[in-house]
Amino acid sequence: MKIFSAQQIYQADKSTIQKEQITSDALMERAATQLFEWLHSRLRGTQVNIQLFCGIGNNGGDGLVLARKLHEHEYSIKVYVVNYSEKRSEDFLLNLERLKDVKVWPDFIKSGSSFPKISPNDIIVDAIFGIGLNRAPDDWVGNLIQHINSSRAFTLSVDVPSGLPMNRGPWNKEYVIRASYVLSFQVPKLVFFLPETGVYLNQWEILDIGLDQDFLNKTETDFELIGRPEIVPMYRPRLKFSHKGTYGHSVIIGGSYGKIGAVQLATNACLSVGSGLVTAFVPKCGYDSLQTAVPEVMVLTGSREKNITEIDIPFEPTVVGIGMGMGLDDDTVSAFVSFLKKSTKPMVIDADGLNILSQNPEMLNDVPELSILTPHPKELERLIGHWDSDFDKLQKAKVFASKYNIVLVIKGAHTITIFNNKGYVNTTGNPGMATAGSGDVLTGMITGLLSQGYRSVEAAIFGVFLHGLAGDLEVSSKGYEALKASGLVENIGSAYSELFRQPEMEQKDNV
């Protein structure tokens, strides 16, 4: 699913109006009707106080139409117009008159006004600012937003939490609505998925308001939201007359004294995701434990007992995953330098492999093109430098990935895969996955997918999605706190099955 910028959404509105030969207020009526249907289907006439805070632009106009429809269905409402400017949109003014025509008279809040009392049992509709916000809210509006936030009432934001710009972090973190729920028109917004801005909403849902589908399909976007519909077409089914060689020979390189478990997790995940053969290359101290813990994995060792000092693979692997638990010993760094210089195929680099690259940036020129780097936030900062905001981070990540023609997996609550100046935002996963070894499992999974013939960007996107899905399945039985990385590996097979499981309603329809 594409993630559109504010400007692209405005263009979609305009295209819809022109194509359907409708007025802008008719499109507003359509959007607000969807808002009403969502709310009405849940309240079903329940007598609860609904307080609507409407700005004087089109977002406020949406709120006024919603207020009129709630009034027509005899809900208890109170409407406030947040009068933050002398400029008003035409559709706002039109719907203000329509609201007055049904005998609903809004109260106007301006600088110096007292704020209305809000009970925790009320429902707040936030329609103050929309996606076009381009400056910091005035202090008195910010104080109103703080007043709404402190009420602890259920707050429903129209399209985007008010005070949250679409292309940067908030000017003042206290001047943003903390929405219980956001109803987003037609498409999701990038700010829903970034650490700096996603904290302002608890849940979100898309309302289809019938924007021009042809425009939406043809318009290229900088970001795409990855869910099951995007993943299923990537899946490469297994052929009946295939064998283990068909699905590649992966090599996982890493480990040091006390950190062999990282390689164990990665190799196990690599096998479980479907690599035909997997070999681990570790220092001698890892030989016995790996042969015992993962009997399906072949093991090679270097000459040193506690760390890797040279990397010698006596065959041509399909793909290499390297870095987990490897350490930063000088001899290990030298071994990695030499190995990179003779490597030509895309590889997966994680953990200490990334730390070595950040300490020796000249090595980045030897990283094979289309390799996949999987940094967590601190590792990413060491690679691309400090950023001022999540938007700055994404821009720097795009520049970095393009410079070296690699795939960059930015790990987080919504992991974002960057390739060819485009970002792919993941939708699976949960806070329980913030645990030791989770990244090692991801590296093994991506390596295993590469070995089976997936393109680098597909292996990264698919691996991230499947990794998060395995975590979601594990947490459903274990809870957040008890989730372990080994549990992710155990659920990889179930995650594959979940991709193709029919929803219960579809199963009933097919009986």
Protein backbone atom coordinates (compact mmCIF):
# COMPACT_ATOMS: atom_id res chain seq x y z
CA MET A 1 0.00 0.00 0.00
CA LYS A 2 1.42 3.33 -1.06
CA ILE A 3 2.12 6.06 1.47
CA PHE A 4 1.36 9.43 -0.11
CA SER A 5 2.74 12.84 0.78
CA ALA A 6 0.39 15.67 1.70
CA GLN A 7 0.86 17.25 -1.72
CA GLN A 8 0.02 13.98 -3.48
CA ILE A 9 -3.15 13.62 -1.39
CA TYR A 10 -4.24 17.11 -2.40
CA GLN A 11 -3.61 16.15 -6.04
CA ALA A 12 -5.69 12.98 -5.55
CA ASP A 13 -8.54 15.11 -4.18
CA LYS A 14 -8.30 17.44 -7.17
CA SER A 15 -8.16 14.56 -9.65
CA THR A 16 -11.23 12.96 -8.05
CA ILE A 17 -13.20 16.20 -8.19
CA GLN A 18 -12.33 16.74 -11.85
CA LYS A 19 -12.87 13.14 -12.93
CA GLU A 20 -16.22 12.72 -11.17
CA GLN A 21 -17.37 16.27 -11.90
CA ILE A 22 -18.27 16.90 -8.27
CA THR A 23 -17.68 19.84 -5.97
CA SER A 24 -15.09 19.88 -3.21
CA ASP A 25 -17.81 20.11 -0.57
CA ALA A 26 -19.41 16.94 -2.02
CA LEU A 27 -16.10 15.15 -1.47
CA MET A 28 -16.02 16.56 2.07
CA GLU A 29 -19.55 15.25 2.63
CA ARG A 30 -18.42 11.82 1.41
CA ALA A 31 -15.43 11.78 3.75
CA ALA A 32 -17.42 12.92 6.77
CA THR A 33 -20.10 10.35 6.03
CA GLN A 34 -17.44 7.66 6.36
CA LEU A 35 -16.42 9.21 9.69
CA PHE A 36 -20.01 9.13 10.87
CA GLU A 37 -20.62 5.54 9.74
CA TRP A 38 -17.51 4.38 11.60
CA LEU A 39 -18.57 6.13 14.81
CA HIS A 40 -22.26 5.26 14.54
CA SER A 41 -21.55 1.56 13.94
CA ARG A 42 -19.73 1.46 17.28
CA LEU A 43 -21.93 3.71 19.39
CA ARG A 44 -25.31 2.59 17.96
CA GLY A 45 -27.08 5.53 19.53
CA THR A 46 -25.40 5.27 22.95
CA GLN A 47 -25.94 8.47 24.86
CA VAL A 48 -22.45 9.73 25.44
CA ASN A 49 -21.27 13.32 25.30
CA ILE A 50 -19.36 13.99 22.08
CA GLN A 51 -17.31 17.17 21.95
CA LEU A 52 -16.07 18.20 18.50
CA PHE A 53 -13.17 20.63 18.19
CA CYS A 54 -13.07 22.00 14.63
CA GLY A 55 -10.50 24.24 13.04
CA ILE A 56 -11.34 26.74 10.32
CA GLY A 57 -9.86 24.81 7.37
CA ASN A 58 -11.05 21.72 5.55
CA ASN A 59 -10.23 19.42 8.47
CA GLY A 60 -12.57 21.55 10.54
CA GLY A 61 -15.11 21.34 7.73
CA ASP A 62 -15.00 17.54 7.99
CA GLY A 63 -15.70 17.92 11.69
CA LEU A 64 -18.68 20.20 11.06
CA VAL A 65 -20.25 17.74 8.61
CA LEU A 66 -19.73 14.95 11.14
CA ALA A 67 -21.38 17.11 13.81
CA ARG A 68 -24.42 17.67 11.59
CA LYS A 69 -24.82 13.96 10.95
CA LEU A 70 -24.43 13.11 14.63
CA HIS A 71 -27.08 15.72 15.48
CA GLU A 72 -29.44 14.30 12.85
CA HIS A 73 -29.14 10.91 14.58
CA GLU A 74 -29.84 12.49 17.97
CA TYR A 75 -26.42 12.13 19.53
CA SER A 76 -25.51 14.52 22.34
CA ILE A 77 -22.93 16.85 20.83
CA LYS A 78 -21.16 20.08 21.56
CA VAL A 79 -19.27 21.83 18.77
CA TYR A 80 -16.35 24.23 19.23
CA VAL A 81 -14.70 26.19 16.44
CA VAL A 82 -11.02 26.78 17.17
CA ASN A 83 -10.62 30.24 15.67
CA TYR A 84 -6.86 30.26 15.10
CA SER A 85 -6.87 32.47 11.97
CA GLU A 86 -8.92 35.05 10.11
CA LYS A 87 -8.68 32.89 6.98
CA ARG A 88 -11.36 30.24 6.52
CA SER A 89 -11.78 27.69 3.77
CA GLU A 90 -14.87 27.99 1.61
CA ASP A 91 -16.03 24.48 2.47
CA PHE A 92 -15.65 25.21 6.17
CA LEU A 93 -17.87 28.30 5.84
CA LEU A 94 -20.42 26.41 3.76
CA ASN A 95 -20.72 23.62 6.31
CA LEU A 96 -20.80 26.06 9.21
CA GLU A 97 -23.98 27.53 7.69
CA ARG A 98 -25.42 24.06 7.10
CA LEU A 99 -24.81 23.23 10.75
CA LYS A 100 -26.56 26.41 11.86
CA ASP A 101 -29.47 25.54 9.55
CA VAL A 102 -30.15 22.45 11.70
CA LYS A 103 -30.06 24.64 14.82
CA VAL A 104 -26.60 23.65 16.07
CA TRP A 105 -24.68 26.73 17.16
CA PRO A 106 -20.96 26.20 17.74
CA ASP A 107 -19.04 28.03 20.42
CA PHE A 108 -15.99 29.89 19.14
CA ILE A 109 -12.71 29.48 21.04
CA LYS A 110 -10.08 32.13 20.50
CA SER A 111 -7.04 33.47 22.29
CA GLY A 112 -8.06 34.32 25.84
CA SER A 113 -11.15 32.07 25.85
CA SER A 114 -11.81 29.69 28.70
CA PHE A 115 -11.56 26.07 27.67
CA PRO A 116 -14.60 23.79 28.01
CA LYS A 117 -14.74 21.18 30.72
CA ILE A 118 -14.02 17.67 29.43
CA SER A 119 -14.94 14.52 31.31
CA PRO A 120 -12.86 11.33 30.96
CA ASN A 121 -16.14 9.69 29.87
CA ASP A 122 -16.63 12.04 26.92
CA ILE A 123 -15.62 11.36 23.33
CA ILE A 124 -13.47 14.03 21.73
CA VAL A 125 -13.37 14.51 17.97
CA ASP A 126 -10.19 16.30 16.98
CA ALA A 127 -10.65 18.16 13.69
CA ILE A 128 -8.49 21.19 14.44
CA PHE A 129 -5.63 20.85 11.95
CA GLY A 130 -5.30 18.55 8.96
CA ILE A 131 -2.39 17.37 6.84
CA GLY A 132 -1.56 20.88 5.62
CA LEU A 133 -0.15 22.22 8.89
CA ASN A 134 3.03 24.15 8.03
CA ARG A 135 3.80 26.12 11.17
CA ALA A 136 3.78 25.69 14.91
CA PRO A 137 0.37 26.12 16.55
CA ASP A 138 -0.08 29.35 18.48
CA ASP A 139 0.53 28.94 22.19
CA TRP A 140 -3.13 29.29 23.10
CA VAL A 141 -4.05 26.53 20.62
CA GLY A 142 -1.22 24.45 22.03
CA ASN A 143 -2.65 24.99 25.49
CA LEU A 144 -6.06 23.81 24.23
CA ILE A 145 -4.41 20.68 22.85
CA GLN A 146 -2.76 20.09 26.23
CA HIS A 147 -6.15 20.58 27.89
CA ILE A 148 -7.67 17.91 25.62
CA ASN A 149 -4.77 15.52 26.24
CA SER A 150 -4.98 15.91 30.01
CA SER A 151 -8.70 15.07 30.03
CA ARG A 152 -8.03 11.34 29.49
CA ALA A 153 -11.12 11.23 27.25
CA PHE A 154 -11.20 8.97 24.20
CA THR A 155 -9.90 11.17 21.40
CA LEU A 156 -10.69 10.45 17.77
CA SER A 157 -8.54 12.41 15.32
CA VAL A 158 -9.72 13.16 11.80
CA ASP A 159 -7.04 12.13 9.26
CA VAL A 160 -4.03 13.00 11.46
CA PRO A 161 -3.53 14.10 15.09
CA SER A 162 -3.75 17.89 15.19
CA GLY A 163 -0.41 19.63 15.64
CA LEU A 164 1.50 16.87 13.83
CA PRO A 165 3.05 18.00 10.53
CA MET A 166 3.37 15.52 7.68
CA ASN A 167 7.00 16.11 6.71
CA ARG A 168 8.88 16.82 9.93
CA GLY A 169 8.79 16.29 13.66
CA PRO A 170 6.50 18.47 15.80
CA TRP A 171 7.63 21.99 16.61
CA ASN A 172 6.52 21.53 20.21
CA LYS A 173 5.98 18.00 21.49
CA GLU A 174 3.35 19.19 23.95
CA TYR A 175 1.29 20.84 21.22
CA VAL A 176 0.20 17.64 19.49
CA ILE A 177 -3.03 15.72 20.11
CA ARG A 178 -2.40 12.28 21.59
CA ALA A 179 -5.04 10.39 19.70
CA SER A 180 -6.70 7.24 20.97
CA TYR A 181 -7.67 6.51 17.39
CA VAL A 182 -6.99 8.11 14.01
CA LEU A 183 -9.30 7.70 11.03
CA SER A 184 -7.08 8.35 8.01
CA PHE A 185 -8.72 9.21 4.70
CA GLN A 186 -7.91 6.74 1.89
CA VAL A 187 -4.21 6.19 2.70
CA PRO A 188 -1.96 5.89 5.76
CA LYS A 189 0.46 8.67 6.65
CA LEU A 190 4.21 8.15 7.09
CA VAL A 191 4.11 9.90 10.48
CA PHE A 192 2.09 6.97 11.86
CA PHE A 193 5.15 4.71 11.64
CA LEU A 194 8.14 6.78 12.78
CA PRO A 195 9.38 6.66 16.40
CA GLU A 196 9.33 10.44 16.77
CA THR A 197 5.77 10.90 15.50
CA GLY A 198 4.03 7.54 15.88
CA VAL A 199 3.83 8.05 19.66
CA TYR A 200 0.97 10.52 19.13
CA LEU A 201 -1.52 7.84 18.14
CA ASN A 202 -2.56 4.55 19.66
CA GLN A 203 -4.42 2.99 16.73
CA TRP A 204 -5.28 4.01 13.19
CA GLU A 205 -7.63 2.87 10.48
CA ILE A 206 -8.16 3.82 6.85
CA LEU A 207 -11.50 5.10 5.58
CA ASP A 208 -12.04 4.65 1.85
CA ILE A 209 -13.52 7.92 0.60
CA GLY A 210 -13.42 6.97 -3.07
CA LEU A 211 -10.45 8.99 -4.29
CA ASP A 212 -9.50 8.52 -7.94
CA GLN A 213 -8.11 4.99 -8.02
CA ASP A 214 -6.42 5.49 -11.36
CA PHE A 215 -4.46 8.44 -9.94
CA LEU A 216 -3.53 6.45 -6.83
CA ASN A 217 -2.36 3.47 -8.88
CA LYS A 218 -0.22 5.49 -11.28
CA THR A 219 1.39 7.87 -8.79
CA GLU A 220 4.82 6.83 -7.55
CA THR A 221 5.49 7.35 -3.84
CA ASP A 222 8.64 7.54 -1.75
CA PHE A 223 7.33 5.00 0.76
CA GLU A 224 5.19 1.89 0.70
CA LEU A 225 3.46 0.10 3.57
CA ILE A 226 4.15 -3.64 3.54
CA GLY A 227 1.38 -5.99 4.61
CA ARG A 228 0.27 -9.45 3.63
CA PRO A 229 -1.11 -8.34 0.20
CA GLU A 230 2.35 -7.02 -0.72
CA ILE A 231 4.22 -10.06 0.63
CA VAL A 232 2.25 -12.99 -0.79
CA PRO A 233 3.16 -12.20 -4.44
CA MET A 234 6.86 -12.26 -3.50
CA TYR A 235 6.69 -15.84 -2.24
CA ARG A 236 8.59 -18.36 -4.37
CA PRO A 237 6.86 -21.77 -4.15
CA ARG A 238 8.95 -24.91 -4.03
CA LEU A 239 9.14 -27.14 -7.08
CA LYS A 240 8.30 -30.83 -6.81
CA PHE A 241 11.52 -32.01 -8.49
CA SER A 242 13.91 -29.87 -6.48
CA HIS A 243 16.64 -30.80 -4.02
CA LYS A 244 18.66 -29.12 -1.29
CA GLY A 245 21.07 -27.68 -3.84
CA THR A 246 18.18 -25.87 -5.49
CA TYR A 247 17.79 -23.62 -2.46
CA GLY A 248 21.36 -22.52 -2.04
CA HIS A 249 24.26 -22.96 0.35
CA SER A 250 24.40 -20.22 2.97
CA VAL A 251 27.44 -19.45 5.09
CA ILE A 252 27.05 -17.68 8.43
CA ILE A 253 30.30 -16.11 9.67
CA GLY A 254 30.61 -14.83 13.21
CA GLY A 255 30.94 -15.68 16.84
CA SER A 256 33.66 -15.28 19.44
CA TYR A 257 34.28 -16.68 22.91
CA GLY A 258 31.01 -16.30 24.84
CA LYS A 259 29.01 -15.23 21.77
CA ILE A 260 28.59 -18.42 19.78
CA GLY A 261 24.86 -18.33 20.55
CA ALA A 262 24.44 -15.51 18.04
CA VAL A 263 25.65 -17.78 15.25
CA GLN A 264 23.50 -20.63 16.56
CA LEU A 265 20.40 -18.43 16.28
CA ALA A 266 21.34 -17.13 12.83
CA THR A 267 22.13 -20.55 11.35
CA ASN A 268 18.99 -22.09 12.81
CA ALA A 269 16.90 -19.26 11.37
CA CYS A 270 18.65 -19.59 8.01
CA LEU A 271 17.72 -23.26 7.83
CA SER A 272 14.19 -22.69 9.08
CA VAL A 273 13.46 -20.04 6.44
CA GLY A 274 14.41 -22.49 3.71
CA SER A 275 18.12 -22.41 2.84
CA GLY A 276 19.02 -25.77 1.34
CA LEU A 277 22.40 -26.00 3.07
CA VAL A 278 23.94 -23.94 5.85
CA THR A 279 27.54 -23.82 7.03
CA ALA A 280 28.75 -21.86 10.03
CA PHE A 281 32.26 -20.39 10.14
CA VAL A 282 33.32 -19.76 13.74
CA PRO A 283 36.38 -19.78 15.97
CA LYS A 284 37.31 -23.19 17.40
CA CYS A 285 35.48 -22.56 20.68
CA GLY A 286 32.17 -22.74 18.83
CA TYR A 287 32.64 -26.09 17.12
CA ASP A 288 31.26 -28.52 19.72
CA SER A 289 28.30 -26.38 20.79
CA LEU A 290 27.15 -25.68 17.23
CA GLN A 291 27.45 -29.30 16.14
CA THR A 292 25.32 -30.28 19.14
CA ALA A 293 22.77 -27.45 19.14
CA VAL A 294 22.03 -27.38 15.40
CA PRO A 295 22.92 -30.80 13.96
CA GLU A 296 21.66 -29.83 10.49
CA VAL A 297 24.39 -27.17 10.21
CA MET A 298 27.89 -27.90 8.96
CA VAL A 299 30.70 -26.17 10.84
CA LEU A 300 34.04 -24.75 9.74
CA THR A 301 36.52 -23.13 12.11
CA GLY A 302 39.45 -20.80 11.88
CA SER A 303 42.81 -21.50 13.49
CA ARG A 304 42.24 -19.41 16.61
CA GLU A 305 40.34 -20.63 19.67
CA LYS A 306 38.43 -17.53 20.79
CA ASN A 307 37.99 -15.31 17.74
CA ILE A 308 38.10 -15.29 13.96
CA THR A 309 41.50 -14.38 12.50
CA GLU A 310 41.09 -15.50 8.90
CA ILE A 311 38.11 -16.42 6.78
CA ASP A 312 38.70 -19.31 4.41
CA ILE A 313 35.67 -20.93 2.81
CA PRO A 314 36.72 -24.00 0.74
CA PHE A 315 33.74 -23.75 -1.61
CA GLU A 316 31.70 -21.05 -3.36
CA PRO A 317 28.73 -20.19 -1.11
CA THR A 318 25.50 -18.89 -2.55
CA VAL A 319 25.35 -16.13 0.05
CA VAL A 320 27.16 -15.07 3.21
CA GLY A 321 25.70 -13.57 6.38
CA ILE A 322 28.39 -12.06 8.57
CA GLY A 323 28.96 -10.10 11.77
CA MET A 324 26.88 -11.50 14.64
CA GLY A 325 28.95 -11.96 17.82
CA MET A 326 32.16 -11.58 15.80
CA GLY A 327 33.86 -9.02 18.04
CA LEU A 328 36.20 -6.17 17.14
CA ASP A 329 39.58 -7.80 17.68
CA ASP A 330 42.27 -6.37 15.37
CA ASP A 331 42.85 -9.77 13.74
CA THR A 332 39.10 -10.16 13.20
CA VAL A 333 38.96 -6.75 11.53
CA SER A 334 41.85 -7.71 9.26
CA ALA A 335 40.13 -10.96 8.35
CA PHE A 336 36.94 -9.08 7.44
CA VAL A 337 38.93 -6.57 5.35
CA SER A 338 40.54 -9.37 3.35
CA PHE A 339 37.29 -11.27 2.96
CA LEU A 340 35.44 -8.21 1.63
CA LYS A 341 38.11 -7.50 -0.97
CA LYS A 342 37.64 -10.93 -2.57
CA SER A 343 33.83 -11.03 -2.25
CA THR A 344 31.65 -10.25 -5.26
CA LYS A 345 28.20 -11.58 -4.35
CA PRO A 346 25.64 -9.68 -2.24
CA MET A 347 25.97 -10.52 1.44
CA VAL A 348 24.11 -9.74 4.66
CA ILE A 349 26.10 -7.69 7.19
CA ASP A 350 24.98 -7.23 10.79
CA ALA A 351 26.18 -6.38 14.30
CA ASP A 352 29.98 -6.29 14.62
CA GLY A 353 30.29 -6.43 10.86
CA LEU A 354 28.52 -3.06 10.79
CA ASN A 355 30.60 -1.72 13.67
CA ILE A 356 33.79 -2.63 11.80
CA LEU A 357 32.51 -0.82 8.71
CA SER A 358 31.65 2.31 10.70
CA GLN A 359 35.13 2.34 12.27
CA ASN A 360 36.76 1.78 8.88
CA PRO A 361 34.51 3.61 6.38
CA GLU A 362 36.91 3.00 3.50
CA MET A 363 35.79 -0.65 3.68
CA LEU A 364 32.34 0.35 2.50
CA ASN A 365 33.73 0.68 -1.03
CA ASP A 366 34.47 -3.06 -0.99
CA VAL A 367 31.00 -4.13 0.15
CA PRO A 368 29.46 -5.96 -2.85
CA GLU A 369 26.63 -4.08 -4.52
CA LEU A 370 23.10 -5.12 -3.50
CA SER A 371 24.36 -6.35 -0.13
CA ILE A 372 21.95 -5.97 2.80
CA LEU A 373 22.97 -4.08 5.94
CA THR A 374 20.75 -4.51 9.02
CA PRO A 375 21.60 -1.87 11.65
CA HIS A 376 19.76 -1.09 14.86
CA PRO A 377 19.53 2.66 15.66
CA LYS A 378 22.98 3.07 17.24
CA GLU A 379 24.66 1.04 14.50
CA LEU A 380 22.86 3.15 11.92
CA GLU A 381 24.05 6.36 13.55
CA ARG A 382 27.64 5.14 13.43
CA LEU A 383 27.23 4.49 9.71
CA ILE A 384 25.38 7.60 8.49
CA GLY A 385 26.04 10.11 11.27
CA HIS A 386 23.76 11.92 13.70
CA TRP A 387 20.32 12.99 12.52
CA ASP A 388 18.09 15.82 13.71
CA SER A 389 14.77 14.03 13.17
CA ASP A 390 13.33 10.82 11.79
CA PHE A 391 12.85 12.56 8.45
CA ASP A 392 16.49 13.62 8.42
CA LYS A 393 17.45 10.05 9.32
CA LEU A 394 15.50 8.63 6.39
CA GLN A 395 16.99 11.13 3.96
CA LYS A 396 20.53 10.34 5.11
CA ALA A 397 19.79 6.62 4.93
CA LYS A 398 18.59 6.99 1.33
CA VAL A 399 21.74 8.88 0.38
CA PHE A 400 23.93 6.26 2.07
CA ALA A 401 22.14 3.31 0.45
CA SER A 402 22.26 4.92 -3.00
CA LYS A 403 25.95 5.83 -2.69
CA TYR A 404 26.95 2.22 -2.13
CA ASN A 405 24.03 0.62 -4.03
CA ILE A 406 23.02 -1.48 -1.06
CA VAL A 407 19.81 -2.37 0.78
CA LEU A 408 19.57 -0.77 4.22
CA VAL A 409 17.27 -2.32 6.82
CA ILE A 410 16.55 0.24 9.55
CA LYS A 411 15.39 -1.87 12.47
CA GLY A 412 12.69 -0.54 14.79
CA ALA A 413 9.04 -0.85 15.80
CA HIS A 414 8.22 -0.38 12.11
CA THR A 415 11.38 -1.57 10.40
CA ILE A 416 11.99 0.39 7.18
CA THR A 417 13.89 -1.14 4.28
CA ILE A 418 15.62 1.43 2.07
CA PHE A 419 16.59 0.70 -1.53
CA ASN A 420 16.86 2.77 -4.68
CA ASN A 421 15.57 5.92 -2.92
CA LYS A 422 12.42 4.19 -1.72
CA GLY A 423 11.36 3.06 1.74
CA TYR A 424 9.32 -0.03 2.59
CA VAL A 425 7.60 0.21 5.98
CA ASN A 426 6.92 -3.07 7.78
CA THR A 427 3.67 -3.76 9.64
CA THR A 428 4.48 -6.90 11.66
CA GLY A 429 6.27 -7.28 14.99
CA ASN A 430 5.77 -6.20 18.58
CA PRO A 431 7.65 -4.83 21.63
CA GLY A 432 8.42 -8.36 22.87
CA MET A 433 10.94 -8.65 20.04
CA ALA A 434 13.16 -6.06 21.73
CA THR A 435 15.26 -8.88 23.14
CA ALA A 436 18.75 -10.32 22.78
CA GLY A 437 19.28 -12.35 19.62
CA SER A 438 16.29 -11.05 17.68
CA GLY A 439 18.57 -9.33 15.17
CA ASP A 440 20.67 -12.48 14.73
CA VAL A 441 17.52 -14.35 13.77
CA LEU A 442 16.62 -11.66 11.22
CA THR A 443 20.09 -11.83 9.65
CA GLY A 444 19.80 -15.60 9.33
CA MET A 445 16.35 -15.33 7.76
CA ILE A 446 17.38 -12.73 5.18
CA THR A 447 20.48 -14.76 4.34
CA GLY A 448 18.36 -17.89 3.85
CA LEU A 449 15.95 -16.05 1.56
CA LEU A 450 18.81 -14.69 -0.54
CA SER A 451 20.16 -18.23 -0.92
CA GLN A 452 16.84 -19.34 -2.41
CA GLY A 453 17.01 -16.80 -5.22
CA TYR A 454 15.04 -13.85 -3.85
CA ARG A 455 16.36 -10.49 -5.03
CA SER A 456 18.14 -8.50 -2.33
CA VAL A 457 15.33 -6.00 -1.76
CA GLU A 458 12.73 -8.81 -1.75
CA ALA A 459 14.78 -10.90 0.68
CA ALA A 460 15.03 -7.92 3.03
CA ILE A 461 11.34 -6.94 2.84
CA PHE A 462 10.10 -10.53 3.04
CA GLY A 463 12.55 -11.43 5.82
CA VAL A 464 11.56 -8.45 7.94
CA PHE A 465 7.85 -9.19 7.49
CA LEU A 466 8.20 -12.92 8.25
CA HIS A 467 10.44 -12.17 11.25
CA GLY A 468 7.81 -9.83 12.71
CA LEU A 469 5.02 -12.28 11.97
CA ALA A 470 6.91 -15.04 13.79
CA GLY A 471 7.20 -12.64 16.73
CA ASP A 472 3.48 -11.91 16.65
CA LEU A 473 2.68 -15.62 16.72
CA GLU A 474 5.11 -16.24 19.57
CA VAL A 475 3.87 -13.35 21.69
CA SER A 476 0.27 -14.55 21.42
CA SER A 477 1.14 -17.48 23.65
CA LYS A 478 4.16 -16.24 25.60
CA GLY A 479 3.46 -12.56 26.21
CA TYR A 480 5.86 -9.70 25.57
CA GLU A 481 8.26 -10.21 28.44
CA ALA A 482 8.85 -13.94 27.95
CA LEU A 483 9.48 -13.81 24.21
CA LYS A 484 12.96 -15.11 23.32
CA ALA A 485 14.82 -15.10 20.03
CA SER A 486 14.78 -18.89 19.90
CA GLY A 487 10.98 -18.67 19.96
CA LEU A 488 11.12 -16.57 16.80
CA VAL A 489 12.99 -19.36 15.03
CA GLU A 490 10.45 -21.93 16.22
CA ASN A 491 7.64 -19.86 14.68
CA ILE A 492 9.14 -19.27 11.23
CA GLY A 493 7.27 -22.25 9.80
CA SER A 494 4.02 -21.09 11.38
CA ALA A 495 4.62 -17.62 9.92
CA TYR A 496 4.86 -19.11 6.44
CA SER A 497 1.60 -20.97 7.06
CA GLU A 498 -0.07 -17.82 8.36
CA LEU A 499 0.69 -16.05 5.08
CA PHE A 500 -1.65 -18.39 3.24
CA ARG A 501 -4.25 -19.01 5.93
CA GLN A 502 -7.72 -18.02 4.78
CA PRO A 503 -9.69 -15.77 7.12
CA GLU A 504 -12.52 -17.62 8.88
CA MET A 505 -15.24 -15.81 6.91
CA GLU A 506 -13.63 -16.87 3.61
CA GLN A 507 -13.40 -20.46 4.82
CA LYS A 508 -17.12 -20.49 5.62
CA ASP A 509 -17.93 -19.03 2.22
CA ASN A 510 -15.97 -21.81 0.50
CA VAL A 511 -17.75 -24.65 2.38
